[in-house]
Amino acid sequence: MKIPSIPKIKDKSNYCFYTSQRSRDFFFYCLSNLNKLDIKKILIPSYIGYSESEGSGVMDAIIDSKVEYVIYPINKNLEINIKELKSIIRETDSKKTSLLLIHYFGLIDTNYLKIIEFAKEKDIFIFDDCAHSFYTYYSFKDYFKGDAAFFSVHKLLKNITPKSISLIKKNISSKYTFELEKLLNRCSPNKNYNMPNSIELSNNFDFFPTIKGIENIVEKRIIQANIYKELLDKSGNPFTILIPEKSYNFPLQSFPILFSNNVNRDNIYHRMRDLEIQVVSLYYNLTNKIKITEFPEAHYLSKNILNLPINEDLEQDQIKYICKSLLEAI
């Protein structure tokens, strides 16, 4: 198992950094201002969650910004259907289009670089939604090629300020990034969205200096994913691990598994929670804009996925207990 070395940001002048209360704030203002640059459509994945308490960070921002959206399919293995996405891109006016790539649970799609290359050829503005993937982005900065990215840091660390951090890259071929930076710095506020604040960089700034011991956190999360794999990656289990073999060196947000239809995911979820094991199901509800008749694989994911906990406080014995409890609950 290889623990990645952490690359430093070589030239901070190539980035604009922003803070906000929520990632959706930055996303909303980007979409609204890209609209002024004649980018009036966004391509979004078919796996987008919704909750009664929070709504849908992605869909709410898109609808409120009044941009058109087109949904591309996510397969049952949580990977982008690249063939369908390319077909959608070919059929759209790409010079007036943006693309949202969501990095679920700290993973990077195995076709990410192919998608980036294809989209860049079409002058598409690319968002990396890293709400789950702050540590992955931090560890693999040079791998991410989108024009803008946003991170929900508060979902990883309690009582942290700011709750969200975002960035725009300026040193890439996109002709929109410089104009977007100008528009963000002088845009009008919206009562439903907090204005993002630009960060004034210093020589000591390296992406997000507030998090102490981040390299140690990254290492622990990678080790934990590999312990889960060792304990659960066995034939005969009625679930599939939703992590590609080459992705076990990513510092994941959680460890996603997908049950077969023979297992009631909700029953397993409640049994685990009764044992005070903090499993979640991301996303147990999809936004109603994603219809089951059009995207059955996304809905299958939604009804059968379970996310096992990964965090820097877990010890190896606790992970063993989680796995043992899971297998007993099935």
Protein backbone atom coordinates (compact mmCIF):
# COMPACT_ATOMS: atom_id res chain seq x y z
CA MET A 1 0.00 0.00 0.00
CA LYS A 2 1.48 3.32 -1.10
CA ILE A 3 0.77 6.45 0.92
CA PRO A 4 0.87 9.43 -1.47
CA SER A 5 3.28 12.28 -0.92
CA ILE A 6 1.46 15.60 -0.59
CA PRO A 7 2.20 18.03 -3.43
CA LYS A 8 2.52 21.70 -2.53
CA ILE A 9 0.89 24.47 -4.52
CA LYS A 10 3.84 25.84 -6.46
CA ASP A 11 2.35 29.14 -7.63
CA LYS A 12 -0.52 30.49 -5.54
CA SER A 13 -1.10 33.30 -8.03
CA ASN A 14 -2.66 30.71 -10.34
CA TYR A 15 -5.57 30.21 -7.91
CA CYS A 16 -8.40 32.27 -6.51
CA PHE A 17 -9.59 30.92 -3.15
CA TYR A 18 -12.95 31.63 -1.55
CA THR A 19 -14.70 30.81 1.70
CA SER A 20 -18.43 30.51 2.30
CA GLN A 21 -20.95 29.02 4.70
CA ARG A 22 -21.95 26.32 2.20
CA SER A 23 -20.53 24.92 -1.01
CA ARG A 24 -23.82 25.67 -2.70
CA ASP A 25 -23.21 29.40 -2.12
CA PHE A 26 -20.07 29.40 -4.27
CA PHE A 27 -21.70 27.10 -6.83
CA PHE A 28 -24.76 29.35 -7.14
CA TYR A 29 -22.75 32.53 -7.69
CA CYS A 30 -20.51 30.79 -10.23
CA LEU A 31 -23.50 29.56 -12.22
CA SER A 32 -25.24 32.93 -12.06
CA ASN A 33 -22.16 34.76 -13.31
CA LEU A 34 -21.28 32.17 -15.95
CA ASN A 35 -24.80 32.80 -17.22
CA LYS A 36 -23.71 36.37 -17.89
CA LEU A 37 -20.83 34.94 -19.94
CA ASP A 38 -23.39 33.07 -22.07
CA ILE A 39 -22.83 29.69 -20.38
CA LYS A 40 -26.48 28.87 -19.89
CA LYS A 41 -26.46 25.09 -19.53
CA ILE A 42 -24.86 22.60 -17.17
CA LEU A 43 -24.46 18.82 -17.51
CA ILE A 44 -25.01 17.05 -14.19
CA PRO A 45 -24.81 13.42 -13.00
CA SER A 46 -27.86 11.28 -12.26
CA TYR A 47 -26.78 10.62 -8.66
CA ILE A 48 -27.72 13.74 -6.70
CA GLY A 49 -29.23 13.56 -3.24
CA TYR A 50 -32.07 15.36 -1.50
CA SER A 51 -33.12 15.63 2.14
CA GLU A 52 -36.03 17.32 3.87
CA SER A 53 -33.69 19.26 6.14
CA GLU A 54 -31.11 20.46 3.60
CA GLY A 55 -32.83 20.20 0.23
CA SER A 56 -30.37 19.50 -2.58
CA GLY A 57 -27.23 21.62 -2.60
CA VAL A 58 -26.58 20.93 -6.26
CA MET A 59 -30.10 21.09 -7.69
CA ASP A 60 -31.24 24.06 -5.60
CA ALA A 61 -28.30 26.16 -6.79
CA ILE A 62 -28.90 25.16 -10.41
CA ILE A 63 -32.62 25.93 -10.35
CA ASP A 64 -32.18 29.20 -8.47
CA SER A 65 -29.48 30.37 -10.90
CA LYS A 66 -31.91 29.77 -13.77
CA VAL A 67 -29.50 27.78 -15.92
CA GLU A 68 -30.71 24.87 -18.02
CA TYR A 69 -29.54 21.41 -16.96
CA VAL A 70 -29.11 18.09 -18.73
CA ILE A 71 -28.63 14.90 -16.71
CA TYR A 72 -26.05 12.30 -17.73
CA PRO A 73 -26.16 8.73 -16.35
CA ILE A 74 -24.18 7.24 -13.49
CA ASN A 75 -23.81 3.47 -13.71
CA LYS A 76 -24.62 1.01 -10.94
CA ASN A 77 -20.92 0.86 -10.03
CA LEU A 78 -20.95 4.62 -9.23
CA GLU A 79 -18.95 5.43 -12.38
CA ILE A 80 -19.90 7.85 -15.13
CA ASN A 81 -21.35 6.35 -18.29
CA ILE A 82 -18.69 7.96 -20.45
CA LYS A 83 -20.24 6.85 -23.73
CA GLU A 84 -23.54 8.56 -22.89
CA LEU A 85 -21.83 11.66 -21.53
CA LYS A 86 -19.79 12.08 -24.71
CA SER A 87 -22.94 11.67 -26.76
CA ILE A 88 -24.69 14.40 -24.75
CA ILE A 89 -21.70 16.73 -25.15
CA ARG A 90 -21.65 16.16 -28.92
CA GLU A 91 -25.34 17.05 -29.14
CA THR A 92 -25.10 20.27 -27.12
CA ASP A 93 -23.67 23.70 -27.86
CA SER A 94 -20.54 23.06 -25.86
CA LYS A 95 -19.32 26.67 -25.95
CA LYS A 96 -22.37 27.61 -23.85
CA THR A 97 -22.11 24.66 -21.46
CA SER A 98 -20.55 23.75 -18.14
CA LEU A 99 -20.00 20.27 -16.69
CA LEU A 100 -20.34 19.12 -13.08
CA LEU A 101 -18.23 16.15 -12.00
CA ILE A 102 -19.05 14.88 -8.50
CA HIS A 103 -16.29 12.98 -6.71
CA TYR A 104 -18.40 10.73 -4.54
CA PHE A 105 -17.01 9.67 -1.15
CA GLY A 106 -13.47 10.84 -1.98
CA LEU A 107 -13.22 8.77 -5.17
CA ILE A 108 -12.09 9.93 -8.60
CA ASP A 109 -13.90 8.37 -11.55
CA THR A 110 -11.63 5.97 -13.45
CA ASN A 111 -12.49 7.84 -16.68
CA TYR A 112 -11.94 11.29 -15.16
CA LEU A 113 -8.95 12.30 -17.29
CA LYS A 114 -10.59 11.03 -20.49
CA ILE A 115 -13.69 13.06 -19.69
CA ILE A 116 -11.62 16.15 -18.89
CA GLU A 117 -9.70 15.86 -22.16
CA PHE A 118 -12.88 15.45 -24.21
CA ALA A 119 -14.66 18.34 -22.45
CA LYS A 120 -11.67 20.68 -22.73
CA GLU A 121 -11.56 20.11 -26.48
CA LYS A 122 -15.10 21.51 -26.54
CA ASP A 123 -14.31 24.59 -24.37
CA ILE A 124 -16.59 23.36 -21.58
CA PHE A 125 -16.22 24.94 -18.15
CA ILE A 126 -15.70 22.16 -15.59
CA PHE A 127 -16.68 22.07 -11.91
CA ASP A 128 -15.11 19.50 -9.57
CA ASP A 129 -17.63 18.91 -6.78
CA CYS A 130 -15.35 17.81 -3.95
CA ALA A 131 -17.82 18.11 -1.08
CA HIS A 132 -16.73 14.59 -0.08
CA SER A 133 -13.21 14.84 -1.44
CA PHE A 134 -11.25 17.55 0.33
CA TYR A 135 -8.53 15.12 1.43
CA THR A 136 -8.35 13.51 -2.01
CA TYR A 137 -7.95 16.89 -3.70
CA TYR A 138 -5.41 17.94 -1.09
CA SER A 139 -3.40 14.77 -1.74
CA PHE A 140 -3.70 14.75 -5.53
CA LYS A 141 -3.83 18.44 -6.46
CA ASP A 142 -2.00 17.92 -9.73
CA TYR A 143 -4.46 15.24 -10.86
CA PHE A 144 -7.54 17.47 -10.79
CA LYS A 145 -8.00 19.44 -14.00
CA GLY A 146 -11.32 21.26 -13.59
CA ASP A 147 -11.70 25.04 -13.75
CA ALA A 148 -13.32 25.38 -10.32
CA ALA A 149 -13.73 23.18 -7.25
CA PHE A 150 -15.60 23.38 -3.97
CA PHE A 151 -15.27 21.52 -0.67
CA SER A 152 -17.56 21.02 2.33
CA VAL A 153 -14.88 20.95 4.99
CA HIS A 154 -17.43 21.01 7.83
CA LYS A 155 -18.60 17.53 6.79
CA LEU A 156 -15.15 16.21 7.66
CA LEU A 157 -14.25 18.27 10.71
CA LYS A 158 -16.54 19.55 13.45
CA ASN A 159 -16.59 23.15 14.63
CA ILE A 160 -14.42 24.40 11.79
CA THR A 161 -14.57 27.87 10.26
CA PRO A 162 -14.98 28.49 7.40
CA LYS A 163 -17.36 25.63 6.66
CA SER A 164 -16.66 25.59 2.94
CA ILE A 165 -13.70 26.50 0.76
CA SER A 166 -13.66 26.84 -3.02
CA LEU A 167 -11.21 27.69 -5.74
CA ILE A 168 -10.92 28.81 -9.33
CA LYS A 169 -7.85 27.98 -11.39
CA LYS A 170 -6.47 30.79 -13.55
CA ASN A 171 -3.51 29.11 -15.20
CA ILE A 172 -5.44 26.89 -17.57
CA SER A 173 -6.76 27.19 -21.08
CA SER A 174 -10.34 28.05 -20.12
CA LYS A 175 -11.20 31.50 -21.40
CA TYR A 176 -13.82 31.98 -18.69
CA THR A 177 -11.85 31.76 -15.44
CA PHE A 178 -10.44 35.31 -15.45
CA GLU A 179 -13.82 36.82 -16.32
CA LEU A 180 -15.56 34.72 -13.68
CA GLU A 181 -13.11 35.92 -11.04
CA LYS A 182 -13.92 39.55 -11.88
CA LEU A 183 -17.67 38.93 -11.79
CA LEU A 184 -17.53 37.10 -8.45
CA ASN A 185 -15.71 40.03 -6.88
CA ARG A 186 -18.46 42.48 -7.77
CA CYS A 187 -21.66 40.45 -8.04
CA SER A 188 -24.92 41.40 -6.32
CA PRO A 189 -26.02 39.38 -3.28
CA ASN A 190 -28.94 36.96 -3.30
CA LYS A 191 -30.99 36.67 -0.09
CA ASN A 192 -30.92 32.84 -0.19
CA TYR A 193 -27.16 32.50 -0.72
CA ASN A 194 -24.24 33.85 1.29
CA MET A 195 -21.68 35.76 -0.71
CA PRO A 196 -18.34 33.92 -1.05
CA ASN A 197 -15.36 35.78 0.37
CA SER A 198 -12.03 35.92 -1.38
CA ILE A 199 -9.03 34.71 0.67
CA GLU A 200 -5.97 36.92 0.75
CA LEU A 201 -3.07 34.53 0.32
CA SER A 202 0.14 34.57 2.33
CA ASN A 203 3.45 32.78 1.97
CA ASN A 204 2.37 30.29 4.64
CA PHE A 205 -0.85 29.37 2.86
CA ASP A 206 -0.96 25.87 1.43
CA PHE A 207 -4.50 25.12 0.34
CA PHE A 208 -6.08 25.07 3.80
CA PRO A 209 -3.74 25.65 6.72
CA THR A 210 -6.39 25.42 9.48
CA ILE A 211 -6.33 21.61 9.53
CA LYS A 212 -3.54 20.45 11.83
CA GLY A 213 -1.76 17.20 11.08
CA ILE A 214 -3.48 16.76 7.74
CA GLU A 215 -0.84 14.35 6.39
CA ASN A 216 -1.53 12.06 9.34
CA ILE A 217 -5.28 12.25 8.68
CA VAL A 218 -4.73 11.33 5.04
CA GLU A 219 -2.59 8.34 5.97
CA LYS A 220 -5.11 7.04 8.51
CA ARG A 221 -7.98 7.21 6.05
CA ILE A 222 -6.05 5.29 3.42
CA ILE A 223 -5.09 2.61 5.93
CA GLN A 224 -8.70 2.27 7.11
CA ALA A 225 -10.03 1.72 3.59
CA ASN A 226 -7.48 -1.01 3.07
CA ILE A 227 -8.47 -2.71 6.35
CA TYR A 228 -12.10 -2.72 5.24
CA LYS A 229 -11.06 -4.20 1.91
CA GLU A 230 -9.07 -6.96 3.57
CA LEU A 231 -11.98 -7.90 5.85
CA LEU A 232 -14.89 -7.55 3.40
CA ASP A 233 -13.58 -8.24 -0.10
CA LYS A 234 -14.59 -11.90 -0.16
CA SER A 235 -16.69 -13.88 -2.58
CA GLY A 236 -20.08 -14.92 -1.30
CA ASN A 237 -20.91 -11.63 0.43
CA PRO A 238 -24.24 -10.19 -0.80
CA PHE A 239 -22.70 -6.81 -1.54
CA THR A 240 -20.17 -5.18 -3.85
CA ILE A 241 -17.46 -2.76 -2.72
CA LEU A 242 -17.83 0.41 -4.79
CA ILE A 243 -14.13 1.19 -4.87
CA PRO A 244 -12.05 0.42 -7.97
CA GLU A 245 -8.90 -1.56 -7.27
CA LYS A 246 -6.63 1.38 -8.14
CA SER A 247 -8.46 3.74 -5.78
CA TYR A 248 -7.35 2.35 -2.43
CA ASN A 249 -4.67 5.03 -2.09
CA PHE A 250 -7.34 7.75 -1.87
CA PRO A 251 -8.17 9.18 1.58
CA LEU A 252 -11.87 8.40 1.41
CA GLN A 253 -14.78 10.13 3.13
CA SER A 254 -16.49 6.76 3.76
CA PHE A 255 -16.37 3.16 2.54
CA PRO A 256 -19.29 2.53 0.14
CA ILE A 257 -20.81 -0.91 -0.42
CA LEU A 258 -23.76 -1.87 -2.60
CA PHE A 259 -26.16 -4.61 -1.54
CA SER A 260 -27.92 -6.97 -3.91
CA ASN A 261 -31.70 -6.84 -4.13
CA ASN A 262 -31.84 -9.90 -1.86
CA VAL A 263 -30.80 -7.77 1.11
CA ASN A 264 -32.89 -5.03 2.70
CA ARG A 265 -30.43 -2.16 3.05
CA ASP A 266 -32.69 -0.22 5.40
CA ASN A 267 -32.86 -3.11 7.86
CA ILE A 268 -29.06 -3.37 7.88
CA TYR A 269 -28.77 0.37 8.34
CA HIS A 270 -31.04 0.38 11.40
CA ARG A 271 -29.36 -2.65 12.97
CA MET A 272 -25.98 -0.98 12.65
CA ARG A 273 -27.26 2.30 14.05
CA ASP A 274 -28.80 0.42 16.98
CA LEU A 275 -25.25 -0.73 17.73
CA GLU A 276 -24.18 2.95 17.59
CA ILE A 277 -22.17 2.32 14.42
CA GLN A 278 -22.38 5.52 12.40
CA VAL A 279 -23.21 4.14 8.98
CA VAL A 280 -25.00 6.40 6.46
CA SER A 281 -26.70 5.90 3.12
CA LEU A 282 -25.56 8.48 0.58
CA TYR A 283 -27.91 9.10 -1.06
CA TYR A 284 -31.01 7.32 0.26
CA ASN A 285 -33.18 9.90 -1.56
CA LEU A 286 -32.47 11.34 -5.00
CA THR A 287 -33.78 14.70 -6.11
CA ASN A 288 -37.16 14.35 -7.82
CA LYS A 289 -35.63 15.74 -11.00
CA ILE A 290 -33.97 12.35 -11.53
CA LYS A 291 -36.70 9.96 -12.69
CA ILE A 292 -36.44 6.23 -12.07
CA THR A 293 -37.76 5.52 -15.59
CA GLU A 294 -34.84 7.44 -17.11
CA PHE A 295 -32.09 6.56 -14.62
CA PRO A 296 -32.87 3.17 -13.04
CA GLU A 297 -29.23 2.44 -12.15
CA ALA A 298 -28.94 5.64 -10.10
CA HIS A 299 -32.11 4.73 -8.21
CA TYR A 300 -30.78 1.22 -7.64
CA LEU A 301 -27.69 2.77 -6.09
CA SER A 302 -29.81 5.02 -3.92
CA LYS A 303 -31.87 2.14 -2.52
CA ASN A 304 -28.99 -0.29 -1.96
CA ILE A 305 -25.91 1.70 -0.95
CA LEU A 306 -24.45 1.78 2.55
CA ASN A 307 -21.47 3.88 3.63
CA LEU A 308 -19.28 2.48 6.39
CA PRO A 309 -17.48 5.05 8.56
CA ILE A 310 -13.96 6.27 7.87
CA ASN A 311 -12.39 8.89 10.11
CA GLU A 312 -9.12 9.59 11.83
CA ASP A 313 -10.48 8.55 15.24
CA LEU A 314 -11.29 4.95 14.29
CA GLU A 315 -8.92 2.23 15.46
CA GLN A 316 -8.28 -1.08 13.71
CA ASP A 317 -10.21 -3.05 16.35
CA GLN A 318 -13.22 -0.81 15.83
CA ILE A 319 -13.16 -1.44 12.09
CA LYS A 320 -13.02 -5.16 12.77
CA TYR A 321 -16.04 -4.80 15.03
CA ILE A 322 -17.90 -2.83 12.33
CA CYS A 323 -17.22 -5.55 9.74
CA LYS A 324 -18.18 -8.35 12.12
CA SER A 325 -21.42 -6.56 13.02
CA LEU A 326 -22.22 -5.94 9.37
CA LEU A 327 -21.80 -9.59 8.41
CA GLU A 328 -23.86 -10.71 11.40
CA ALA A 329 -26.65 -8.28 10.49
CA ILE A 330 -27.02 -9.59 6.94
